[in-house]
Amino acid sequence: MRSQPREACYKRFMLRCSLLFLALFPWPAFADPPIIEAVQITGGASGVRVDVTLSHPDTGWEHYADGWRIEDAQGNVLGTRELAHPHVTEQPFTRSLSGVVIPSNIKNVFIRAKCQIDGWNKTTTSVALP
């Protein structure tokens, strides 16, 4: 029987180590981004109230939708609603932000949701002001 060259043994060893590393490394669980299901904006004397309904496959404290924000057309943030806990059994869910001041020249705002693992969604939902 012929022995294998050292180089071949070394390559096989490195391949096995790499596969073991990939199998054991705690990769982040990328999931679907939070989905904005509905938005309601109502006026008030001290600003508007924004109600946003989100859905997201929350798995618990390690991965959940943790916020949404209101932006103008240029991406300037007009208000942010942080979500402090997962909503594993409450899907979809609605949370509000009151007292949001929107300049009178703005006719549409944009809602962007956030997941604690994947960050801010790349897409927004456009909403016409009442």
N, C-alpha and C. Protein backbone atom coordinates (compact mmCIF):
# COMPACT_ATOMS: atom_id res chain seq x y z
N MET A 1 0.82 -1.18 0.00
CA MET A 1 0.00 0.00 0.00
C MET A 1 0.86 1.24 0.00
N ARG A 2 0.46 2.21 -0.75
CA ARG A 2 1.22 3.44 -0.88
C ARG A 2 0.69 4.49 0.08
N SER A 3 1.54 5.19 0.80
CA SER A 3 1.09 6.24 1.71
C SER A 3 0.82 7.51 0.91
N GLN A 4 -0.11 8.31 1.42
CA GLN A 4 -0.46 9.56 0.73
C GLN A 4 0.56 10.62 1.09
N PRO A 5 0.83 11.51 0.16
CA PRO A 5 1.77 12.59 0.44
C PRO A 5 1.25 13.47 1.57
N ARG A 6 2.17 14.07 2.28
CA ARG A 6 1.81 14.94 3.40
C ARG A 6 0.88 16.07 2.98
N GLU A 7 1.08 16.62 1.81
CA GLU A 7 0.27 17.75 1.34
C GLU A 7 -1.20 17.35 1.23
N ALA A 8 -1.47 16.16 0.71
CA ALA A 8 -2.85 15.69 0.58
C ALA A 8 -3.48 15.49 1.96
N CYS A 9 -2.75 14.94 2.90
CA CYS A 9 -3.25 14.75 4.26
C CYS A 9 -3.56 16.10 4.91
N TYR A 10 -2.66 17.05 4.70
CA TYR A 10 -2.84 18.39 5.28
C TYR A 10 -4.09 19.06 4.71
N LYS A 11 -4.31 18.96 3.40
CA LYS A 11 -5.49 19.56 2.76
C LYS A 11 -6.77 18.92 3.29
N ARG A 12 -6.76 17.60 3.43
CA ARG A 12 -7.94 16.91 3.95
C ARG A 12 -8.21 17.32 5.39
N PHE A 13 -7.15 17.45 6.19
CA PHE A 13 -7.28 17.89 7.58
C PHE A 13 -7.87 19.31 7.65
N MET A 14 -7.37 20.23 6.82
CA MET A 14 -7.86 21.62 6.82
C MET A 14 -9.32 21.69 6.37
N LEU A 15 -9.70 20.86 5.40
CA LEU A 15 -11.08 20.83 4.95
C LEU A 15 -12.00 20.37 6.08
N ARG A 16 -11.61 19.33 6.79
CA ARG A 16 -12.42 18.85 7.91
C ARG A 16 -12.54 19.90 9.01
N CYS A 17 -11.43 20.59 9.31
CA CYS A 17 -11.47 21.66 10.33
C CYS A 17 -12.40 22.79 9.90
N SER A 18 -12.35 23.16 8.62
CA SER A 18 -13.22 24.23 8.11
C SER A 18 -14.68 23.84 8.20
N LEU A 19 -15.00 22.62 7.83
CA LEU A 19 -16.39 22.16 7.90
C LEU A 19 -16.88 22.10 9.34
N LEU A 20 -16.02 21.67 10.25
CA LEU A 20 -16.39 21.63 11.66
C LEU A 20 -16.65 23.04 12.19
N PHE A 21 -15.80 23.99 11.82
CA PHE A 21 -15.97 25.38 12.23
C PHE A 21 -17.31 25.93 11.73
N LEU A 22 -17.62 25.69 10.45
CA LEU A 22 -18.88 26.19 9.88
C LEU A 22 -20.09 25.56 10.56
N ALA A 23 -19.97 24.30 10.95
CA ALA A 23 -21.09 23.62 11.60
C ALA A 23 -21.31 24.10 13.03
N LEU A 24 -20.25 24.48 13.71
CA LEU A 24 -20.36 24.84 15.12
C LEU A 24 -20.47 26.33 15.37
N PHE A 25 -20.11 27.16 14.41
CA PHE A 25 -20.13 28.61 14.61
C PHE A 25 -21.57 29.10 14.70
N PRO A 26 -21.90 29.95 15.68
CA PRO A 26 -23.28 30.43 15.83
C PRO A 26 -23.62 31.54 14.83
N TRP A 27 -24.03 31.15 13.65
CA TRP A 27 -24.38 32.12 12.62
C TRP A 27 -25.67 32.83 12.99
N PRO A 28 -25.81 34.14 12.67
CA PRO A 28 -27.06 34.84 12.96
C PRO A 28 -28.20 34.26 12.13
N ALA A 29 -29.38 34.28 12.70
CA ALA A 29 -30.55 33.72 12.03
C ALA A 29 -31.25 34.81 11.22
N PHE A 30 -30.86 34.93 9.96
CA PHE A 30 -31.50 35.92 9.11
C PHE A 30 -32.89 35.41 8.77
N ALA A 31 -33.86 36.28 8.95
CA ALA A 31 -35.24 35.91 8.69
C ALA A 31 -35.86 36.97 7.79
N ASP A 32 -37.12 36.79 7.53
CA ASP A 32 -37.84 37.79 6.76
C ASP A 32 -37.84 39.10 7.53
N PRO A 33 -37.77 40.23 6.81
CA PRO A 33 -37.81 41.52 7.49
C PRO A 33 -39.20 41.78 8.06
N PRO A 34 -39.31 42.70 9.01
CA PRO A 34 -40.64 43.06 9.51
C PRO A 34 -41.49 43.61 8.36
N ILE A 35 -42.75 43.24 8.35
CA ILE A 35 -43.68 43.69 7.31
C ILE A 35 -44.63 44.70 7.92
N ILE A 36 -44.76 45.84 7.27
CA ILE A 36 -45.72 46.86 7.71
C ILE A 36 -47.06 46.47 7.11
N GLU A 37 -47.97 46.02 7.96
CA GLU A 37 -49.28 45.54 7.51
C GLU A 37 -50.27 46.69 7.34
N ALA A 38 -50.20 47.70 8.21
CA ALA A 38 -51.15 48.81 8.15
C ALA A 38 -50.57 50.01 8.88
N VAL A 39 -50.99 51.21 8.45
CA VAL A 39 -50.60 52.45 9.09
C VAL A 39 -51.82 53.35 9.16
N GLN A 40 -52.04 53.94 10.33
CA GLN A 40 -53.12 54.91 10.49
C GLN A 40 -52.53 56.16 11.12
N ILE A 41 -52.82 57.32 10.51
CA ILE A 41 -52.32 58.59 11.03
C ILE A 41 -53.51 59.47 11.32
N THR A 42 -53.57 59.97 12.56
CA THR A 42 -54.65 60.86 12.96
C THR A 42 -54.05 62.15 13.50
N GLY A 43 -54.70 63.27 13.18
CA GLY A 43 -54.21 64.57 13.60
C GLY A 43 -54.55 64.88 15.04
N GLY A 44 -53.79 65.81 15.59
CA GLY A 44 -54.03 66.26 16.95
C GLY A 44 -53.45 67.64 17.14
N ALA A 45 -53.86 68.31 18.21
CA ALA A 45 -53.39 69.67 18.47
C ALA A 45 -51.89 69.71 18.75
N SER A 46 -51.35 68.65 19.34
CA SER A 46 -49.92 68.64 19.67
C SER A 46 -49.13 67.68 18.80
N GLY A 47 -49.54 67.54 17.54
CA GLY A 47 -48.87 66.63 16.63
C GLY A 47 -49.79 65.49 16.24
N VAL A 48 -49.29 64.61 15.41
CA VAL A 48 -50.11 63.49 14.95
C VAL A 48 -49.80 62.22 15.73
N ARG A 49 -50.74 61.32 15.67
CA ARG A 49 -50.55 59.99 16.25
C ARG A 49 -50.42 59.02 15.08
N VAL A 50 -49.42 58.16 15.15
CA VAL A 50 -49.17 57.18 14.10
C VAL A 50 -49.30 55.79 14.72
N ASP A 51 -50.21 54.99 14.16
CA ASP A 51 -50.39 53.60 14.58
C ASP A 51 -49.87 52.70 13.46
N VAL A 52 -48.92 51.84 13.79
CA VAL A 52 -48.32 50.94 12.80
C VAL A 52 -48.55 49.50 13.24
N THR A 53 -49.06 48.70 12.31
CA THR A 53 -49.24 47.27 12.54
C THR A 53 -48.13 46.53 11.80
N LEU A 54 -47.36 45.75 12.55
CA LEU A 54 -46.22 44.98 12.01
C LEU A 54 -46.46 43.49 12.16
N SER A 55 -45.83 42.74 11.26
CA SER A 55 -45.71 41.30 11.46
C SER A 55 -44.25 40.93 11.22
N HIS A 56 -43.78 39.96 11.99
CA HIS A 56 -42.39 39.51 11.88
C HIS A 56 -42.29 38.16 12.57
N PRO A 57 -41.51 37.24 12.03
CA PRO A 57 -41.39 35.92 12.66
C PRO A 57 -40.48 35.98 13.91
N ASP A 58 -40.92 36.73 14.94
CA ASP A 58 -40.15 36.82 16.17
C ASP A 58 -39.91 35.43 16.74
N THR A 59 -38.69 35.18 17.22
CA THR A 59 -38.39 33.89 17.83
C THR A 59 -38.16 34.01 19.34
N GLY A 60 -38.13 35.22 19.85
CA GLY A 60 -37.87 35.45 21.28
C GLY A 60 -36.90 36.60 21.43
N TRP A 61 -36.29 36.69 22.59
CA TRP A 61 -35.39 37.79 22.90
C TRP A 61 -34.18 37.87 21.97
N GLU A 62 -33.81 36.75 21.38
CA GLU A 62 -32.63 36.74 20.51
C GLU A 62 -32.91 37.26 19.11
N HIS A 63 -34.21 37.37 18.71
CA HIS A 63 -34.52 37.86 17.36
C HIS A 63 -35.97 38.32 17.31
N TYR A 64 -36.15 39.64 17.22
CA TYR A 64 -37.51 40.18 17.12
C TYR A 64 -37.48 41.55 16.44
N ALA A 65 -38.67 41.97 15.96
CA ALA A 65 -38.82 43.32 15.39
C ALA A 65 -38.74 44.29 16.56
N ASP A 66 -37.79 45.24 16.49
CA ASP A 66 -37.57 46.10 17.66
C ASP A 66 -37.79 47.59 17.39
N GLY A 67 -38.46 47.92 16.28
CA GLY A 67 -38.77 49.33 16.09
C GLY A 67 -39.31 49.67 14.72
N TRP A 68 -39.81 50.88 14.63
CA TRP A 68 -40.20 51.47 13.34
C TRP A 68 -40.02 52.98 13.46
N ARG A 69 -39.91 53.63 12.30
CA ARG A 69 -39.73 55.08 12.33
C ARG A 69 -40.47 55.73 11.17
N ILE A 70 -40.67 57.04 11.33
CA ILE A 70 -41.35 57.85 10.33
C ILE A 70 -40.29 58.73 9.68
N GLU A 71 -40.26 58.74 8.35
CA GLU A 71 -39.27 59.52 7.62
C GLU A 71 -39.98 60.43 6.61
N ASP A 72 -39.30 61.51 6.23
CA ASP A 72 -39.79 62.31 5.11
C ASP A 72 -39.19 61.74 3.82
N ALA A 73 -39.48 62.37 2.69
CA ALA A 73 -39.03 61.85 1.39
C ALA A 73 -37.51 61.82 1.25
N GLN A 74 -36.81 62.67 2.02
CA GLN A 74 -35.36 62.70 1.95
C GLN A 74 -34.71 61.73 2.94
N GLY A 75 -35.50 61.03 3.71
CA GLY A 75 -34.97 60.08 4.68
C GLY A 75 -34.70 60.67 6.05
N ASN A 76 -35.10 61.94 6.27
CA ASN A 76 -34.96 62.54 7.60
C ASN A 76 -35.95 61.89 8.55
N VAL A 77 -35.50 61.54 9.74
CA VAL A 77 -36.34 60.85 10.71
C VAL A 77 -37.19 61.87 11.47
N LEU A 78 -38.52 61.66 11.43
CA LEU A 78 -39.46 62.55 12.10
C LEU A 78 -39.91 61.99 13.45
N GLY A 79 -39.77 60.70 13.63
CA GLY A 79 -40.14 60.05 14.88
C GLY A 79 -39.75 58.59 14.85
N THR A 80 -39.44 58.04 16.02
CA THR A 80 -39.04 56.64 16.13
C THR A 80 -39.79 55.98 17.27
N ARG A 81 -40.31 54.78 17.02
CA ARG A 81 -40.99 53.99 18.05
C ARG A 81 -40.14 52.75 18.30
N GLU A 82 -39.56 52.67 19.49
CA GLU A 82 -38.79 51.48 19.86
C GLU A 82 -39.74 50.43 20.42
N LEU A 83 -39.45 49.18 20.10
CA LEU A 83 -40.22 48.05 20.62
C LEU A 83 -39.31 47.29 21.56
N ALA A 84 -39.71 47.22 22.82
CA ALA A 84 -38.80 46.75 23.87
C ALA A 84 -38.82 45.26 24.14
N HIS A 85 -39.70 44.53 23.47
CA HIS A 85 -39.76 43.08 23.74
C HIS A 85 -40.31 42.35 22.53
N PRO A 86 -40.09 41.04 22.45
CA PRO A 86 -40.60 40.25 21.33
C PRO A 86 -42.12 40.08 21.40
N HIS A 87 -42.70 39.81 20.25
CA HIS A 87 -44.15 39.56 20.14
C HIS A 87 -44.37 38.21 19.46
N VAL A 88 -43.83 37.18 20.08
CA VAL A 88 -43.85 35.84 19.49
C VAL A 88 -45.28 35.35 19.28
N THR A 89 -46.15 35.53 20.26
CA THR A 89 -47.52 35.01 20.18
C THR A 89 -48.53 36.07 19.79
N GLU A 90 -48.09 37.28 19.53
CA GLU A 90 -48.99 38.38 19.15
C GLU A 90 -48.59 38.89 17.77
N GLN A 91 -49.10 38.23 16.74
CA GLN A 91 -48.75 38.58 15.36
C GLN A 91 -50.01 38.68 14.53
N PRO A 92 -50.20 39.70 13.72
CA PRO A 92 -49.45 40.95 13.76
C PRO A 92 -49.80 41.74 15.01
N PHE A 93 -49.03 42.80 15.28
CA PHE A 93 -49.28 43.62 16.45
C PHE A 93 -49.19 45.09 16.07
N THR A 94 -49.89 45.94 16.83
CA THR A 94 -49.95 47.37 16.55
C THR A 94 -49.38 48.16 17.71
N ARG A 95 -48.54 49.13 17.39
CA ARG A 95 -48.01 50.04 18.40
C ARG A 95 -48.10 51.46 17.86
N SER A 96 -48.22 52.43 18.78
CA SER A 96 -48.47 53.83 18.43
C SER A 96 -47.34 54.74 18.86
N LEU A 97 -47.29 55.89 18.20
CA LEU A 97 -46.38 56.97 18.58
C LEU A 97 -47.18 58.26 18.46
N SER A 98 -47.28 59.00 19.55
CA SER A 98 -48.07 60.24 19.58
C SER A 98 -47.15 61.45 19.64
N GLY A 99 -47.74 62.61 19.27
CA GLY A 99 -47.02 63.86 19.36
C GLY A 99 -45.96 64.05 18.28
N VAL A 100 -46.11 63.38 17.16
CA VAL A 100 -45.14 63.50 16.07
C VAL A 100 -45.42 64.80 15.32
N VAL A 101 -44.44 65.66 15.24
CA VAL A 101 -44.58 66.93 14.53
C VAL A 101 -44.10 66.74 13.09
N ILE A 102 -45.03 66.97 12.16
CA ILE A 102 -44.71 66.83 10.74
C ILE A 102 -44.89 68.21 10.10
N PRO A 103 -43.85 68.72 9.46
CA PRO A 103 -43.96 70.03 8.82
C PRO A 103 -45.15 70.10 7.86
N SER A 104 -45.78 71.26 7.79
CA SER A 104 -47.02 71.42 7.01
C SER A 104 -46.82 71.22 5.51
N ASN A 105 -45.61 71.37 5.00
CA ASN A 105 -45.38 71.20 3.57
C ASN A 105 -45.24 69.73 3.15
N ILE A 106 -45.22 68.82 4.09
CA ILE A 106 -45.08 67.38 3.78
C ILE A 106 -46.46 66.77 3.59
N LYS A 107 -46.63 66.07 2.47
CA LYS A 107 -47.91 65.44 2.14
C LYS A 107 -47.89 63.93 2.33
N ASN A 108 -46.71 63.34 2.28
CA ASN A 108 -46.53 61.89 2.46
C ASN A 108 -45.40 61.65 3.44
N VAL A 109 -45.54 60.63 4.26
CA VAL A 109 -44.44 60.17 5.10
C VAL A 109 -44.15 58.72 4.75
N PHE A 110 -43.03 58.23 5.23
CA PHE A 110 -42.59 56.88 4.91
C PHE A 110 -42.27 56.16 6.21
N ILE A 111 -42.80 54.95 6.34
CA ILE A 111 -42.59 54.14 7.54
C ILE A 111 -41.57 53.07 7.20
N ARG A 112 -40.56 52.94 8.08
CA ARG A 112 -39.50 51.94 7.92
C ARG A 112 -39.44 51.12 9.21
N ALA A 113 -39.45 49.80 9.09
CA ALA A 113 -39.41 48.91 10.26
C ALA A 113 -37.99 48.39 10.48
N LYS A 114 -37.76 47.85 11.67
CA LYS A 114 -36.43 47.38 12.05
C LYS A 114 -36.53 46.06 12.80
N CYS A 115 -35.55 45.22 12.55
CA CYS A 115 -35.38 43.95 13.26
C CYS A 115 -34.03 44.01 13.96
N GLN A 116 -33.93 43.52 15.17
CA GLN A 116 -32.69 43.66 15.93
C GLN A 116 -31.50 42.91 15.31
N ILE A 117 -31.76 41.91 14.49
CA ILE A 117 -30.68 41.18 13.85
C ILE A 117 -30.34 41.77 12.48
N ASP A 118 -31.35 42.01 11.67
CA ASP A 118 -31.13 42.44 10.29
C ASP A 118 -31.08 43.95 10.11
N GLY A 119 -31.43 44.72 11.14
CA GLY A 119 -31.38 46.18 11.05
C GLY A 119 -32.60 46.77 10.35
N TRP A 120 -32.45 48.01 9.90
CA TRP A 120 -33.55 48.73 9.26
C TRP A 120 -33.84 48.14 7.89
N ASN A 121 -35.13 47.98 7.58
CA ASN A 121 -35.54 47.51 6.26
C ASN A 121 -35.00 48.45 5.19
N LYS A 122 -34.70 47.90 4.05
CA LYS A 122 -34.26 48.73 2.93
C LYS A 122 -35.45 49.44 2.29
N THR A 123 -36.64 48.87 2.41
CA THR A 123 -37.83 49.45 1.81
C THR A 123 -38.67 50.17 2.85
N THR A 124 -39.50 51.09 2.37
CA THR A 124 -40.41 51.84 3.24
C THR A 124 -41.83 51.68 2.71
N THR A 125 -42.77 52.08 3.54
CA THR A 125 -44.17 52.13 3.14
C THR A 125 -44.60 53.58 3.12
N SER A 126 -45.08 54.07 1.97
CA SER A 126 -45.51 55.45 1.82
C SER A 126 -46.94 55.60 2.34
N VAL A 127 -47.17 56.69 3.10
CA VAL A 127 -48.49 56.95 3.65
C VAL A 127 -48.83 58.43 3.42
N ALA A 128 -49.99 58.67 2.81
CA ALA A 128 -50.46 60.03 2.60
C ALA A 128 -51.01 60.58 3.91
N LEU A 129 -50.71 61.83 4.19
CA LEU A 129 -51.22 62.46 5.42
C LEU A 129 -52.67 62.87 5.24
N PRO A 130 -53.45 62.82 6.32
CA PRO A 130 -54.87 63.19 6.22
C PRO A 130 -55.06 64.69 5.97
